[in-house]
Protein backbone atom coordinates (compact mmCIF):
# COMPACT_ATOMS: atom_id res chain seq x y z
CA MET A 1 57.02 -3.82 -20.78
CA GLY A 2 59.30 -6.46 -19.16
CA THR A 3 58.28 -8.71 -16.42
CA LYS A 4 60.04 -6.40 -13.89
CA SER A 5 60.18 -2.89 -15.21
CA ILE A 6 59.64 0.58 -14.64
CA THR A 7 58.46 3.18 -17.39
CA TYR A 8 58.53 6.73 -16.49
CA ALA A 9 55.98 9.01 -17.97
CA GLY A 10 56.99 12.24 -16.48
CA HIS A 11 55.99 14.18 -13.25
CA SER A 12 54.72 11.25 -11.07
CA ALA A 13 53.35 8.91 -13.68
CA VAL A 14 54.91 5.65 -13.76
CA PHE A 15 54.05 2.23 -15.49
CA VAL A 16 55.31 -0.86 -13.58
CA GLY A 17 55.60 -4.34 -14.83
CA MET A 18 55.51 -7.01 -12.23
CA GLY A 19 53.74 -10.50 -11.88
CA GLY A 20 52.66 -10.46 -15.30
CA LYS A 21 50.51 -7.33 -14.69
CA ARG A 22 50.89 -3.80 -16.28
CA ILE A 23 50.33 -1.23 -13.65
CA ALA A 24 49.97 2.55 -13.92
CA ILE A 25 50.54 4.68 -10.75
CA ASP A 26 49.26 8.30 -10.97
CA PRO A 27 48.71 8.08 -14.70
CA TRP A 28 48.20 11.86 -15.56
CA LEU A 29 49.13 11.55 -19.15
CA LYS A 30 47.00 13.85 -21.26
CA GLY A 31 47.89 17.27 -20.03
CA ASN A 32 51.26 16.26 -18.67
CA PRO A 33 53.65 18.37 -20.58
CA LEU A 34 56.53 15.76 -19.86
CA CYS A 35 54.55 12.59 -21.06
CA PRO A 36 55.62 11.20 -24.49
CA GLN A 37 52.71 11.00 -26.81
CA SER A 38 53.41 7.15 -27.17
CA LEU A 39 52.55 6.78 -23.51
CA ALA A 40 49.50 8.95 -23.45
CA ASN A 41 46.84 6.50 -24.50
CA PRO A 42 47.75 2.95 -22.85
CA LYS A 43 45.08 0.40 -23.83
CA GLU A 44 46.71 -2.60 -22.31
CA LEU A 45 46.64 -2.18 -18.51
CA ASP A 46 45.49 -4.39 -15.57
CA LEU A 47 45.68 -1.97 -12.83
CA ILE A 48 45.69 1.72 -11.80
CA VAL A 49 46.83 2.96 -8.41
CA LEU A 50 46.27 6.46 -7.35
CA THR A 51 48.04 8.01 -4.39
CA HIS A 52 45.77 11.10 -4.07
CA GLY A 53 43.34 13.21 -6.00
CA HIS A 54 45.14 16.12 -7.04
CA ALA A 55 44.84 17.08 -10.90
CA ASP A 56 48.48 16.30 -11.62
CA HIS A 57 47.92 12.67 -10.31
CA ALA A 58 44.37 11.70 -10.76
CA SER A 59 42.64 13.93 -13.28
CA ASP A 60 43.23 11.57 -16.37
CA ALA A 61 42.73 8.24 -14.20
CA ALA A 62 39.06 7.83 -15.14
CA ARG A 63 39.66 8.28 -18.80
CA VAL A 64 42.54 5.67 -18.74
CA ALA A 65 40.42 3.19 -16.81
CA GLN A 66 37.57 3.67 -19.15
CA GLU A 67 39.71 3.11 -22.22
CA SER A 68 41.48 0.07 -20.95
CA SER A 69 40.62 -3.00 -19.09
CA ALA A 70 42.28 -1.86 -15.80
CA GLN A 71 41.04 -2.06 -12.43
CA LEU A 72 41.44 0.95 -10.26
CA ALA A 73 42.71 1.03 -6.69
CA ALA A 74 42.47 4.27 -4.36
CA THR A 75 41.29 5.32 -0.96
CA TYR A 76 37.82 4.99 -0.44
CA GLU A 77 36.81 8.53 -1.08
CA LEU A 78 38.81 8.85 -4.23
CA ALA A 79 37.44 5.47 -5.19
CA MET A 80 33.93 6.70 -4.97
CA ILE A 81 34.69 9.89 -6.95
CA MET A 82 36.33 7.78 -9.81
CA ILE A 83 32.87 5.61 -9.82
CA ALA A 84 31.18 9.21 -10.20
CA GLN A 85 33.48 9.95 -12.96
CA GLY A 86 32.40 7.00 -14.95
CA VAL A 87 34.58 4.15 -14.06
CA PRO A 88 32.41 0.95 -13.68
CA GLN A 89 31.93 0.11 -9.89
CA GLU A 90 33.07 -3.38 -10.48
CA LYS A 91 36.58 -2.18 -11.80
CA VAL A 92 37.14 0.02 -8.65
CA ILE A 93 38.89 -1.36 -5.70
CA PRO A 94 38.43 0.88 -2.43
CA MET A 95 41.15 0.79 0.05
CA ASN A 96 42.78 2.84 2.80
CA LYS A 97 46.20 3.45 4.58
CA GLY A 98 47.62 0.22 6.08
CA GLY A 99 45.39 -2.07 3.88
CA THR A 100 46.51 -4.43 1.29
CA ALA A 101 44.76 -5.93 -1.56
CA ASP A 102 45.87 -8.80 -3.75
CA ILE A 103 45.23 -8.40 -7.34
CA GLY A 104 46.18 -11.52 -9.28
CA GLY A 105 49.37 -12.16 -7.26
CA VAL A 106 50.33 -8.41 -7.14
CA SER A 107 49.72 -6.84 -3.85
CA ILE A 108 48.99 -3.22 -3.33
CA THR A 109 49.56 -1.52 0.24
CA LEU A 110 48.82 2.09 0.81
CA THR A 111 50.96 3.66 3.10
CA ASN A 112 51.00 7.23 4.91
CA ALA A 113 52.15 10.35 3.03
CA LEU A 114 52.00 13.90 4.45
CA HIS A 115 50.21 16.01 1.88
CA SER A 116 46.70 17.33 1.02
CA SER A 117 44.14 15.53 -1.35
CA SER A 118 41.13 17.05 -3.27
CA PHE A 119 39.61 16.44 -6.72
CA ASP A 120 38.59 19.08 -9.11
CA ALA A 121 35.10 18.28 -10.06
CA PRO A 122 33.05 20.59 -12.30
CA SER A 123 30.90 21.39 -9.23
CA GLY A 124 34.16 22.43 -7.37
CA PRO A 125 36.83 20.81 -5.25
CA LEU A 126 35.73 17.45 -3.64
CA TYR A 127 37.47 15.97 -0.53
CA ALA A 128 39.25 12.81 -1.86
CA GLY A 129 40.41 11.26 1.37
CA GLU A 130 43.81 11.43 2.61
CA ALA A 131 47.26 11.38 0.36
CA CYS A 132 48.88 8.03 0.46
CA GLY A 133 52.10 6.26 -0.75
CA ALA A 134 51.87 2.98 -2.43
CA VAL A 135 53.94 -0.35 -2.08
CA LEU A 136 53.55 -2.74 -4.94
CA ALA A 137 54.87 -6.27 -4.66
CA ALA A 138 55.06 -9.45 -6.65
CA ARG A 139 57.49 -12.45 -6.14
CA ASP A 140 60.90 -10.77 -5.70
CA PHE A 141 60.10 -7.30 -6.96
CA THR A 142 58.84 -4.58 -4.65
CA VAL A 143 58.17 -0.90 -5.65
CA TYR A 144 57.52 2.02 -3.18
CA HIS A 145 55.81 5.08 -4.77
CA ALA A 146 55.75 7.77 -2.14
CA GLY A 147 53.17 9.93 -3.93
CA ASP A 148 53.30 13.58 -2.82
CA THR A 149 54.65 13.87 0.90
CA SER A 150 57.10 15.78 2.99
CA LEU A 151 59.64 13.90 4.98
CA PHE A 152 58.35 11.86 7.80
CA SER A 153 60.02 9.40 10.02
CA ASP A 154 57.84 6.52 9.55
CA ILE A 155 59.42 6.18 5.98
CA LYS A 156 62.00 4.00 8.13
CA LEU A 157 59.02 1.78 9.06
CA ILE A 158 57.81 1.30 5.19
CA GLY A 159 61.43 0.44 4.61
CA GLU A 160 61.78 -2.21 7.35
CA ALA A 161 58.32 -3.67 6.54
CA HIS A 162 58.65 -3.77 2.69
CA LYS A 163 62.33 -3.54 1.75
CA PRO A 164 61.53 -1.94 -1.83
CA ASP A 165 63.78 -2.75 -4.50
CA VAL A 166 62.85 0.79 -6.01
CA ALA A 167 61.77 3.90 -4.29
CA LEU A 168 59.94 6.57 -6.39
CA LEU A 169 60.47 9.72 -4.51
CA PRO A 170 59.21 13.41 -5.15
CA ILE A 171 62.22 15.86 -5.22
CA GLY A 172 60.46 19.01 -6.62
CA ASP A 173 60.19 21.01 -3.39
CA ARG A 174 57.58 23.70 -2.72
CA PHE A 175 54.68 21.11 -2.67
CA THR A 176 56.65 18.09 -1.57
CA MET A 177 60.17 16.98 -0.34
CA GLY A 178 63.19 18.63 -2.03
CA PRO A 179 66.20 16.90 -2.94
CA ARG A 180 67.90 16.74 0.54
CA GLU A 181 64.78 15.40 2.31
CA ALA A 182 64.17 13.01 -0.50
CA ALA A 183 67.68 11.51 -0.34
CA LEU A 184 67.24 11.00 3.60
CA ALA A 185 63.89 9.36 2.79
CA ALA A 186 65.70 6.92 0.29
CA SER A 187 68.17 5.96 2.97
CA TRP A 188 65.38 5.38 5.49
CA ALA A 189 63.32 3.35 2.85
CA MET A 190 66.44 1.04 2.42
CA CYS A 191 65.67 0.69 -1.23
CA ARG A 192 68.23 -0.67 -3.68
CA LEU A 193 67.61 2.24 -6.26
CA ALA A 194 66.04 5.72 -5.67
CA VAL A 195 64.35 7.29 -8.64
CA PRO A 196 63.15 10.93 -8.52
CA ILE A 197 59.70 11.96 -9.66
CA HIS A 198 57.50 15.12 -9.30
CA TYR A 199 60.33 17.63 -10.65
CA LYS A 200 61.08 19.66 -13.84
CA THR A 201 57.28 19.75 -14.78
CA PHE A 202 56.60 23.36 -13.68
CA GLY A 203 58.85 26.37 -12.86
CA LEU A 204 57.71 26.17 -9.21
CA LEU A 205 59.44 22.78 -8.71
CA SER A 206 62.94 23.85 -8.19
CA GLY A 207 64.56 20.47 -7.02
CA THR A 208 66.93 18.96 -9.39
CA TYR A 209 68.45 15.60 -9.98
CA GLN A 210 71.89 17.12 -9.51
CA GLU A 211 71.10 18.00 -6.14
CA PHE A 212 69.32 14.73 -5.45
CA SER A 213 72.25 12.67 -6.72
CA LYS A 214 74.72 14.71 -4.67
CA GLU A 215 72.83 14.14 -1.41
CA CYS A 216 72.25 10.39 -2.24
CA ALA A 217 76.13 10.03 -2.77
CA ALA A 218 76.71 11.52 0.69
CA LEU A 219 74.33 9.10 2.20
CA GLY A 220 75.39 5.98 0.31
CA VAL A 221 72.21 5.76 -1.75
CA GLU A 222 72.17 4.61 -5.19
CA CYS A 223 70.03 6.67 -7.54
CA ALA A 224 69.20 7.09 -11.06
CA GLU A 225 67.34 9.65 -13.13
CA MET A 226 64.85 8.31 -15.72
CA ALA A 227 63.90 10.51 -18.82
CA PRO A 228 60.21 10.55 -19.61
CA GLY A 229 59.58 7.47 -21.81
CA GLU A 230 62.51 5.52 -20.53
CA THR A 231 62.03 2.15 -19.29
CA ARG A 232 64.42 0.18 -16.95
CA ALA A 233 64.32 -3.30 -16.68
CA PHE A 234 65.21 -5.22 -13.27
């Protein structure tokens, strides 16, 4: 993984290289039908960031944390669930929206997202705090992962405050924004590059990159599709 890079693992799972750190966002790897086997068992990770508790984002996070040396950052409620799932307490970084934590020169800021959040425990669904987006920044590279969200106008404020180089935006529709709304979100985020996530995985996710690309072009937004397993250096 390069100094400044993004590797797409399918669905909403991405690996980010920045500030000399290897970071996984929403590492749903085992069980993810789009994740290449070569990415399913990352051993060398410094940090895991979770946007919310749903199974297609957080169900594999405790395993990934336990099998690597990574710290794990999440909203307070989800962080406590991760501890209950076996992640050592000293590795867990509880946070909440609007807060920023500095991890060895990489800053994590949790942003708003409009979505639900629960965690499927053996005893039944657990409240996992509110859903979030996440902004990761180090030196001259900033990445905004919107998590699962609908379109909301404060994405403009995220763009103004953080000026992300890359915005990772859900386009699948049904459970999140569709392509048209995601393209508008990309323009509001003022990113240099918009990359679609949370699509293709299941039949109910009907949004396509072709639609997203067309809507981005109409708004003057640069976008790029990443295949699962692909790494893009910046």
